[in-house]
Amino acid sequence: MPLSTHHLRTSIAVSDIQRAVAFYEGKLGLPALQSGPSASIADGSRVYGSGGVPALNVYQSVTAGKTPATLATWYVDDIDQIVDELVSSGVEFIRYDQFEHDAKGITARAGGGRIAWFKDPDGNTFALEADE
């Protein structure tokens, strides 16, 4: 059965679901569509919407923050505006030594466009990308 016909959702492990709720809902402004258990934790998970669909599963787990890789990317029209809004809500953007960043932490993307990275409280890495 081909997977290309099915909806895909990213799952992110966090060490403390309440701290994650403060970040994902409070700082990123993602709407919680559903909450439920995570293993033996009664209220240890959330499903967040983005782009009008369920897009991100966040669940409490001991495996939180174990990868340095970018786990999910939002494709935005105006990266400067989104970065400004996130910074004003307390999100800090990452600057990697191997890239030149502008004053906001945005850098040129391979193949054109621009990209900026940030982390959640557990060190899970996310990106914003724009074709501008």
N, C-alpha and C. Protein backbone atom coordinates (compact mmCIF):
# COMPACT_ATOMS: atom_id res chain seq x y z
N MET A 1 0.84 -1.18 0.00
CA MET A 1 0.00 0.00 0.00
C MET A 1 0.89 1.24 0.00
N PRO A 2 0.68 2.13 -0.93
CA PRO A 2 1.50 3.34 -0.98
C PRO A 2 1.14 4.30 0.16
N LEU A 3 2.14 4.86 0.80
CA LEU A 3 1.91 5.81 1.88
C LEU A 3 1.59 7.20 1.36
N SER A 4 1.86 7.46 0.10
CA SER A 4 1.67 8.81 -0.44
C SER A 4 0.20 9.25 -0.44
N THR A 5 -0.72 8.34 -0.26
CA THR A 5 -2.14 8.70 -0.25
C THR A 5 -2.66 8.98 1.16
N HIS A 6 -1.80 8.89 2.15
CA HIS A 6 -2.22 9.06 3.54
C HIS A 6 -1.61 10.31 4.16
N HIS A 7 -2.35 10.92 5.08
CA HIS A 7 -1.89 12.11 5.80
C HIS A 7 -0.71 11.76 6.69
N LEU A 8 0.27 12.64 6.75
CA LEU A 8 1.46 12.46 7.57
C LEU A 8 1.46 13.50 8.68
N ARG A 9 1.81 13.09 9.89
CA ARG A 9 1.86 14.00 11.03
C ARG A 9 3.19 13.80 11.74
N THR A 10 3.85 14.88 12.13
CA THR A 10 5.11 14.82 12.85
C THR A 10 4.86 14.60 14.33
N SER A 11 5.69 13.76 14.97
CA SER A 11 5.59 13.52 16.41
C SER A 11 6.86 14.01 17.09
N ILE A 12 6.67 14.74 18.20
CA ILE A 12 7.77 15.36 18.93
C ILE A 12 7.71 14.91 20.38
N ALA A 13 8.80 14.33 20.88
CA ALA A 13 8.88 13.94 22.28
C ALA A 13 9.32 15.13 23.12
N VAL A 14 8.67 15.33 24.26
CA VAL A 14 9.02 16.39 25.21
C VAL A 14 9.17 15.77 26.60
N SER A 15 9.95 16.42 27.46
CA SER A 15 10.16 15.85 28.80
C SER A 15 9.09 16.27 29.79
N ASP A 16 8.39 17.37 29.54
CA ASP A 16 7.38 17.88 30.46
C ASP A 16 6.25 18.46 29.63
N ILE A 17 5.10 17.80 29.62
CA ILE A 17 4.01 18.21 28.73
C ILE A 17 3.48 19.59 29.10
N GLN A 18 3.47 19.96 30.37
CA GLN A 18 2.95 21.28 30.74
C GLN A 18 3.88 22.41 30.26
N ARG A 19 5.18 22.17 30.36
CA ARG A 19 6.15 23.15 29.83
C ARG A 19 6.01 23.23 28.31
N ALA A 20 5.79 22.08 27.67
CA ALA A 20 5.60 22.05 26.21
C ALA A 20 4.33 22.79 25.81
N VAL A 21 3.25 22.62 26.56
CA VAL A 21 2.00 23.33 26.28
C VAL A 21 2.25 24.84 26.33
N ALA A 22 2.98 25.31 27.32
CA ALA A 22 3.28 26.74 27.42
C ALA A 22 4.04 27.23 26.20
N PHE A 23 4.94 26.40 25.65
CA PHE A 23 5.72 26.79 24.48
C PHE A 23 4.89 26.70 23.20
N TYR A 24 4.31 25.52 22.92
CA TYR A 24 3.62 25.30 21.65
C TYR A 24 2.35 26.14 21.52
N GLU A 25 1.61 26.27 22.61
CA GLU A 25 0.39 27.08 22.57
C GLU A 25 0.68 28.54 22.87
N GLY A 26 1.46 28.80 23.92
CA GLY A 26 1.71 30.17 24.35
C GLY A 26 2.64 30.94 23.45
N LYS A 27 3.77 30.34 23.06
CA LYS A 27 4.76 31.05 22.25
C LYS A 27 4.55 30.88 20.75
N LEU A 28 4.23 29.65 20.32
CA LEU A 28 4.05 29.43 18.88
C LEU A 28 2.63 29.71 18.42
N GLY A 29 1.68 29.73 19.34
CA GLY A 29 0.29 30.03 18.99
C GLY A 29 -0.42 28.90 18.28
N LEU A 30 0.01 27.66 18.49
CA LEU A 30 -0.63 26.52 17.84
C LEU A 30 -1.89 26.12 18.61
N PRO A 31 -2.97 25.84 17.92
CA PRO A 31 -4.19 25.41 18.61
C PRO A 31 -4.12 23.92 18.95
N ALA A 32 -4.46 23.61 20.20
CA ALA A 32 -4.54 22.20 20.63
C ALA A 32 -5.87 21.65 20.13
N LEU A 33 -5.81 20.62 19.30
CA LEU A 33 -7.02 20.01 18.76
C LEU A 33 -7.49 18.85 19.61
N GLN A 34 -6.55 18.27 20.36
CA GLN A 34 -6.89 17.08 21.13
C GLN A 34 -5.83 16.88 22.21
N SER A 35 -6.21 16.34 23.34
CA SER A 35 -5.24 15.93 24.35
C SER A 35 -5.59 14.51 24.77
N GLY A 36 -4.59 13.81 25.27
CA GLY A 36 -4.83 12.43 25.65
C GLY A 36 -3.64 11.87 26.39
N PRO A 37 -3.65 10.56 26.58
CA PRO A 37 -2.57 9.91 27.32
C PRO A 37 -1.31 9.73 26.49
N SER A 38 -0.20 9.60 27.18
CA SER A 38 1.08 9.22 26.56
C SER A 38 1.67 8.16 27.46
N ALA A 39 1.66 6.93 26.98
CA ALA A 39 2.09 5.78 27.78
C ALA A 39 1.29 5.77 29.08
N SER A 40 1.94 5.91 30.22
CA SER A 40 1.23 5.87 31.51
C SER A 40 0.87 7.25 32.04
N ILE A 41 1.06 8.30 31.23
CA ILE A 41 0.78 9.67 31.65
C ILE A 41 -0.61 10.06 31.14
N ALA A 42 -1.53 10.25 32.05
CA ALA A 42 -2.94 10.45 31.69
C ALA A 42 -3.16 11.59 30.70
N ASP A 43 -2.54 12.74 30.90
CA ASP A 43 -2.75 13.90 30.03
C ASP A 43 -1.43 14.30 29.38
N GLY A 44 -0.69 13.31 28.90
CA GLY A 44 0.68 13.53 28.44
C GLY A 44 0.89 13.81 26.97
N SER A 45 -0.19 14.05 26.21
CA SER A 45 0.01 14.33 24.79
C SER A 45 -0.97 15.38 24.29
N ARG A 46 -0.58 16.00 23.18
CA ARG A 46 -1.43 16.98 22.49
C ARG A 46 -1.28 16.77 20.99
N VAL A 47 -2.35 17.06 20.27
CA VAL A 47 -2.29 17.14 18.82
C VAL A 47 -2.56 18.60 18.48
N TYR A 48 -1.61 19.22 17.76
CA TYR A 48 -1.72 20.62 17.39
C TYR A 48 -2.04 20.75 15.91
N GLY A 49 -2.84 21.76 15.60
CA GLY A 49 -3.18 22.06 14.23
C GLY A 49 -2.25 23.10 13.65
N SER A 50 -2.00 23.00 12.36
CA SER A 50 -1.23 23.99 11.62
C SER A 50 -1.63 23.87 10.16
N GLY A 51 -1.88 25.00 9.53
CA GLY A 51 -2.30 24.97 8.13
C GLY A 51 -3.69 24.40 7.95
N GLY A 52 -4.50 24.42 9.02
CA GLY A 52 -5.87 23.95 8.92
C GLY A 52 -6.06 22.46 9.12
N VAL A 53 -4.99 21.74 9.45
CA VAL A 53 -5.10 20.30 9.66
C VAL A 53 -4.30 19.89 10.90
N PRO A 54 -4.62 18.73 11.49
CA PRO A 54 -3.77 18.21 12.57
C PRO A 54 -2.37 17.97 12.00
N ALA A 55 -1.34 18.55 12.64
CA ALA A 55 -0.02 18.51 12.03
C ALA A 55 1.09 18.05 12.95
N LEU A 56 0.90 18.15 14.26
CA LEU A 56 2.00 17.92 15.18
C LEU A 56 1.50 17.19 16.42
N ASN A 57 2.05 16.00 16.66
CA ASN A 57 1.79 15.26 17.90
C ASN A 57 2.92 15.60 18.86
N VAL A 58 2.58 16.05 20.05
CA VAL A 58 3.57 16.33 21.09
C VAL A 58 3.24 15.42 22.26
N TYR A 59 4.22 14.64 22.71
CA TYR A 59 3.96 13.67 23.77
C TYR A 59 5.12 13.62 24.75
N GLN A 60 4.79 13.38 26.01
CA GLN A 60 5.81 13.30 27.04
C GLN A 60 6.51 11.95 26.96
N SER A 61 7.85 12.00 26.96
CA SER A 61 8.65 10.78 26.84
C SER A 61 10.06 11.03 27.35
N VAL A 62 10.71 9.96 27.79
CA VAL A 62 12.11 10.06 28.22
C VAL A 62 13.05 10.25 27.04
N THR A 63 12.57 10.12 25.82
CA THR A 63 13.41 10.27 24.62
C THR A 63 13.45 11.71 24.12
N ALA A 64 12.91 12.65 24.86
CA ALA A 64 12.81 14.05 24.42
C ALA A 64 14.17 14.66 24.12
N GLY A 65 14.23 15.41 23.02
CA GLY A 65 15.40 16.20 22.68
C GLY A 65 16.65 15.41 22.36
N LYS A 66 16.53 14.20 21.87
CA LYS A 66 17.69 13.34 21.63
C LYS A 66 18.33 13.50 20.26
N THR A 67 17.71 14.25 19.36
CA THR A 67 18.29 14.42 18.03
C THR A 67 18.58 15.89 17.74
N PRO A 68 19.73 16.19 17.12
CA PRO A 68 20.02 17.57 16.74
C PRO A 68 19.40 17.97 15.39
N ALA A 69 18.80 17.01 14.72
CA ALA A 69 18.24 17.28 13.39
C ALA A 69 16.99 18.15 13.47
N THR A 70 16.69 18.86 12.38
CA THR A 70 15.45 19.62 12.28
C THR A 70 14.30 18.62 12.16
N LEU A 71 13.30 18.74 13.04
CA LEU A 71 12.21 17.77 13.09
C LEU A 71 10.99 18.17 12.28
N ALA A 72 10.79 19.46 12.09
CA ALA A 72 9.65 19.93 11.30
C ALA A 72 9.95 21.34 10.79
N THR A 73 9.37 21.68 9.65
CA THR A 73 9.58 22.99 9.03
C THR A 73 8.23 23.59 8.65
N TRP A 74 8.05 24.85 8.99
CA TRP A 74 6.90 25.60 8.54
C TRP A 74 7.31 26.40 7.31
N TYR A 75 6.53 26.32 6.24
CA TYR A 75 6.78 27.08 5.02
C TYR A 75 5.88 28.31 5.06
N VAL A 76 6.51 29.48 5.12
CA VAL A 76 5.78 30.72 5.37
C VAL A 76 5.97 31.69 4.21
N ASP A 77 5.05 32.64 4.10
CA ASP A 77 5.13 33.65 3.04
C ASP A 77 6.07 34.79 3.42
N ASP A 78 6.01 35.23 4.67
CA ASP A 78 6.80 36.38 5.12
C ASP A 78 7.62 35.97 6.35
N ILE A 79 8.82 35.46 6.11
CA ILE A 79 9.65 34.94 7.20
C ILE A 79 10.04 36.04 8.19
N ASP A 80 10.27 37.25 7.70
CA ASP A 80 10.63 38.35 8.61
C ASP A 80 9.52 38.62 9.62
N GLN A 81 8.30 38.66 9.14
CA GLN A 81 7.16 38.93 10.01
C GLN A 81 6.97 37.81 11.04
N ILE A 82 7.06 36.56 10.60
CA ILE A 82 6.87 35.43 11.51
C ILE A 82 7.99 35.41 12.55
N VAL A 83 9.22 35.63 12.14
CA VAL A 83 10.33 35.68 13.09
C VAL A 83 10.09 36.79 14.11
N ASP A 84 9.71 37.97 13.65
CA ASP A 84 9.43 39.09 14.56
C ASP A 84 8.35 38.72 15.57
N GLU A 85 7.28 38.11 15.11
CA GLU A 85 6.18 37.74 16.00
C GLU A 85 6.62 36.69 17.02
N LEU A 86 7.39 35.70 16.57
CA LEU A 86 7.85 34.66 17.49
C LEU A 86 8.85 35.22 18.50
N VAL A 87 9.75 36.08 18.06
CA VAL A 87 10.70 36.71 18.98
C VAL A 87 9.95 37.51 20.04
N SER A 88 8.90 38.23 19.62
CA SER A 88 8.14 39.03 20.58
C SER A 88 7.40 38.16 21.59
N SER A 89 7.16 36.89 21.25
CA SER A 89 6.51 35.99 22.21
C SER A 89 7.53 35.16 23.00
N GLY A 90 8.82 35.43 22.78
CA GLY A 90 9.85 34.79 23.59
C GLY A 90 10.62 33.66 22.94
N VAL A 91 10.41 33.41 21.65
CA VAL A 91 11.15 32.36 20.95
C VAL A 91 12.52 32.90 20.58
N GLU A 92 13.56 32.10 20.83
CA GLU A 92 14.92 32.48 20.46
C GLU A 92 15.35 31.69 19.23
N PHE A 93 15.96 32.40 18.28
CA PHE A 93 16.41 31.76 17.05
C PHE A 93 17.88 31.36 17.16
N ILE A 94 18.21 30.24 16.54
CA ILE A 94 19.54 29.64 16.59
C ILE A 94 20.41 30.23 15.49
N ARG A 95 21.66 30.44 15.82
CA ARG A 95 22.65 30.87 14.82
C ARG A 95 23.72 29.79 14.76
N TYR A 96 23.90 29.23 13.58
CA TYR A 96 24.92 28.20 13.36
C TYR A 96 26.18 28.85 12.82
N ASP A 97 27.32 28.47 13.35
CA ASP A 97 28.60 29.07 12.97
C ASP A 97 28.90 28.95 11.48
N GLN A 98 28.45 27.88 10.83
CA GLN A 98 28.79 27.66 9.43
C GLN A 98 27.97 28.50 8.45
N PHE A 99 26.98 29.27 8.96
CA PHE A 99 26.13 30.09 8.10
C PHE A 99 26.23 31.55 8.53
N GLU A 100 26.05 32.44 7.55
CA GLU A 100 25.94 33.86 7.86
C GLU A 100 24.46 34.18 8.05
N HIS A 101 24.14 34.78 9.19
CA HIS A 101 22.76 35.13 9.52
C HIS A 101 22.59 36.64 9.49
N ASP A 102 21.38 37.08 9.19
CA ASP A 102 21.10 38.51 9.30
C ASP A 102 20.82 38.83 10.77
N ALA A 103 20.44 40.06 11.05
CA ALA A 103 20.22 40.51 12.43
C ALA A 103 19.13 39.72 13.15
N LYS A 104 18.21 39.14 12.38
CA LYS A 104 17.10 38.38 12.98
C LYS A 104 17.43 36.90 13.16
N GLY A 105 18.56 36.45 12.61
CA GLY A 105 18.90 35.03 12.68
C GLY A 105 18.48 34.26 11.45
N ILE A 106 18.10 34.95 10.39
CA ILE A 106 17.67 34.32 9.14
C ILE A 106 18.88 34.19 8.22
N THR A 107 18.97 33.08 7.50
CA THR A 107 20.08 32.85 6.59
C THR A 107 19.57 32.41 5.22
N ALA A 108 20.43 32.48 4.23
CA ALA A 108 20.08 32.01 2.89
C ALA A 108 19.92 30.49 2.92
N ARG A 109 18.93 30.00 2.21
CA ARG A 109 18.67 28.57 2.12
C ARG A 109 19.33 28.00 0.87
N ALA A 110 19.87 26.82 0.96
CA ALA A 110 20.45 26.15 -0.20
C ALA A 110 19.38 26.07 -1.29
N GLY A 111 19.73 26.46 -2.49
CA GLY A 111 18.78 26.42 -3.60
C GLY A 111 17.90 27.65 -3.70
N GLY A 112 18.11 28.64 -2.83
CA GLY A 112 17.33 29.86 -2.86
C GLY A 112 16.34 29.95 -1.71
N GLY A 113 15.91 31.14 -1.42
CA GLY A 113 15.00 31.36 -0.31
C GLY A 113 15.77 31.61 0.98
N ARG A 114 15.04 31.62 2.09
CA ARG A 114 15.63 31.92 3.39
C ARG A 114 15.11 30.95 4.44
N ILE A 115 15.90 30.77 5.51
CA ILE A 115 15.55 29.82 6.56
C ILE A 115 16.02 30.35 7.92
N ALA A 116 15.28 30.00 8.96
CA ALA A 116 15.65 30.32 10.34
C ALA A 116 15.25 29.13 11.22
N TRP A 117 16.07 28.87 12.24
CA TRP A 117 15.82 27.73 13.12
C TRP A 117 15.58 28.20 14.55
N PHE A 118 14.77 27.42 15.28
CA PHE A 118 14.57 27.64 16.71
C PHE A 118 14.37 26.29 17.39
N LYS A 119 14.47 26.29 18.71
CA LYS A 119 14.31 25.05 19.47
C LYS A 119 13.20 25.21 20.51
N ASP A 120 12.57 24.08 20.85
CA ASP A 120 11.62 24.08 21.95
C ASP A 120 12.39 23.92 23.26
N PRO A 121 11.74 23.92 24.42
CA PRO A 121 12.46 23.83 25.69
C PRO A 121 13.28 22.55 25.86
N ASP A 122 12.98 21.49 25.11
CA ASP A 122 13.75 20.25 25.20
C ASP A 122 14.89 20.18 24.20
N GLY A 123 15.05 21.20 23.37
CA GLY A 123 16.11 21.19 22.37
C GLY A 123 15.71 20.59 21.04
N ASN A 124 14.42 20.30 20.84
CA ASN A 124 13.93 19.83 19.54
C ASN A 124 14.01 21.01 18.57
N THR A 125 14.60 20.79 17.40
CA THR A 125 14.84 21.86 16.43
C THR A 125 13.74 21.93 15.38
N PHE A 126 13.30 23.16 15.10
CA PHE A 126 12.29 23.45 14.08
C PHE A 126 12.83 24.53 13.16
N ALA A 127 12.23 24.65 11.98
CA ALA A 127 12.66 25.67 11.03
C ALA A 127 11.46 26.41 10.44
N LEU A 128 11.75 27.62 9.99
CA LEU A 128 10.85 28.39 9.16
C LEU A 128 11.55 28.56 7.83
N GLU A 129 10.84 28.37 6.72
CA GLU A 129 11.43 28.58 5.40
C GLU A 129 10.50 29.43 4.56
N ALA A 130 11.12 30.23 3.69
CA ALA A 130 10.36 31.07 2.76
C ALA A 130 11.09 31.08 1.42
N ASP A 131 10.32 31.14 0.35
CA ASP A 131 10.89 31.16 -1.00
C ASP A 131 11.27 32.56 -1.45
N GLU A 132 11.14 33.55 -0.61
CA GLU A 132 11.42 34.94 -0.96
C GLU A 132 12.88 35.19 -1.19
